Protein backbone atom coordinates (compact mmCIF):
# COMPACT_ATOMS: atom_id res chain seq x y z
CA MET A 1 46.61 80.50 11.07
CA SER A 2 47.05 77.58 13.33
CA VAL A 3 47.28 78.04 17.06
CA HIS A 4 50.65 76.27 16.83
CA ARG A 5 52.01 78.90 14.40
CA ASP A 6 50.65 81.69 16.59
CA ILE A 7 52.46 80.26 19.61
CA GLU A 8 55.69 79.87 17.63
CA LEU A 9 55.63 83.50 16.50
CA MET A 10 54.85 84.80 19.99
CA ALA A 11 57.66 82.67 21.45
CA ALA A 12 60.00 84.34 18.94
CA GLY A 13 59.00 87.77 20.24
CA TRP A 14 56.23 88.65 17.77
CA ASP A 15 53.09 90.42 19.02
CA ARG A 16 49.86 89.61 17.23
CA ARG A 17 48.28 92.95 16.29
CA PHE A 18 45.14 92.40 14.21
CA GLU A 19 43.66 91.05 10.98
CA ALA A 20 43.96 93.41 8.02
CA ASP A 21 42.64 93.55 4.48
CA VAL A 22 45.50 92.86 2.07
CA SER A 23 44.60 96.01 0.14
CA ARG A 24 45.89 98.02 3.13
CA LEU A 25 48.90 95.84 3.89
CA ASP A 26 51.57 98.05 2.29
CA GLU A 27 50.31 101.02 4.31
CA ILE A 28 50.31 99.00 7.55
CA VAL A 29 53.80 97.59 6.99
CA GLN A 30 55.13 101.06 6.20
CA MET A 31 53.53 102.56 9.31
CA TYR A 32 54.95 99.95 11.71
CA THR A 33 58.34 99.97 9.97
CA GLU A 34 58.54 103.75 10.34
CA MET A 35 57.84 103.29 14.06
CA GLY A 36 60.86 100.96 14.26
CA TYR A 37 59.14 97.57 14.30
CA GLU A 38 59.78 94.47 12.26
CA VAL A 39 56.58 93.26 10.57
CA THR A 40 55.43 89.84 9.41
CA THR A 41 52.09 88.45 8.32
CA SER A 42 50.33 85.13 8.13
CA GLU A 43 47.28 83.99 6.19
CA THR A 44 44.05 83.82 8.14
CA VAL A 45 41.98 80.71 8.78
CA PRO A 46 38.35 80.54 9.94
CA ASP A 47 39.42 80.17 13.59
CA ASP A 48 40.94 83.67 13.44
CA PHE A 49 37.45 85.16 13.17
CA GLY A 50 35.58 83.10 15.74
CA PRO A 51 32.17 81.41 15.74
CA ASP A 52 30.18 84.58 15.05
CA CYS A 53 31.62 84.70 11.53
CA ALA A 54 30.96 81.04 10.69
CA GLY A 55 27.53 81.67 9.16
CA CYS A 56 28.39 84.95 7.50
CA ALA A 57 27.27 85.16 3.88
CA ILE A 58 30.39 87.14 2.99
CA ALA A 59 32.85 84.90 4.82
CA ALA A 60 34.67 84.23 1.55
CA SER A 61 35.78 87.86 1.48
CA CYS A 62 37.67 87.24 4.73
CA GLN A 63 40.20 85.29 2.71
CA ARG A 64 41.50 88.72 1.67
CA TYR A 65 42.71 89.26 5.24
CA VAL A 66 46.07 88.50 6.85
CA VAL A 67 47.17 88.49 10.48
CA VAL A 68 49.70 91.23 11.22
CA TYR A 69 52.50 90.69 13.76
CA THR A 70 55.17 93.11 14.91
CA ARG A 71 58.21 92.96 17.13
CA THR A 72 61.05 95.17 18.24
CA PRO A 73 64.06 94.42 16.03
CA VAL A 74 66.12 91.62 17.58
CA LYS A 75 69.29 93.76 17.56
CA GLU A 76 67.60 96.41 19.72
CA VAL A 77 66.36 93.79 22.18
CA VAL A 78 69.86 92.32 22.57
CA GLU A 79 71.49 95.74 22.99
CA SER A 80 68.95 96.90 25.56
CA GLY A 81 68.98 93.63 27.48
CA ARG A 82 65.17 93.28 27.32
């Protein structure tokens, strides 16, 4: 995830939630969708985890993670005037 992409998503109304293991992604998307949010994801890059993870022996397993973003559906934002 580049900082540029993060800024673009946030400018479009997306809130960065957290990094999640792809094995739990369906569950996460379902949960946020049921709460009324739109959900999108982006692949992670080493910068998403910070310097403490740089020397981690299991850093390769972090490639199984994605960044989860949510936002209130655009239609609801327009109708409410937010």
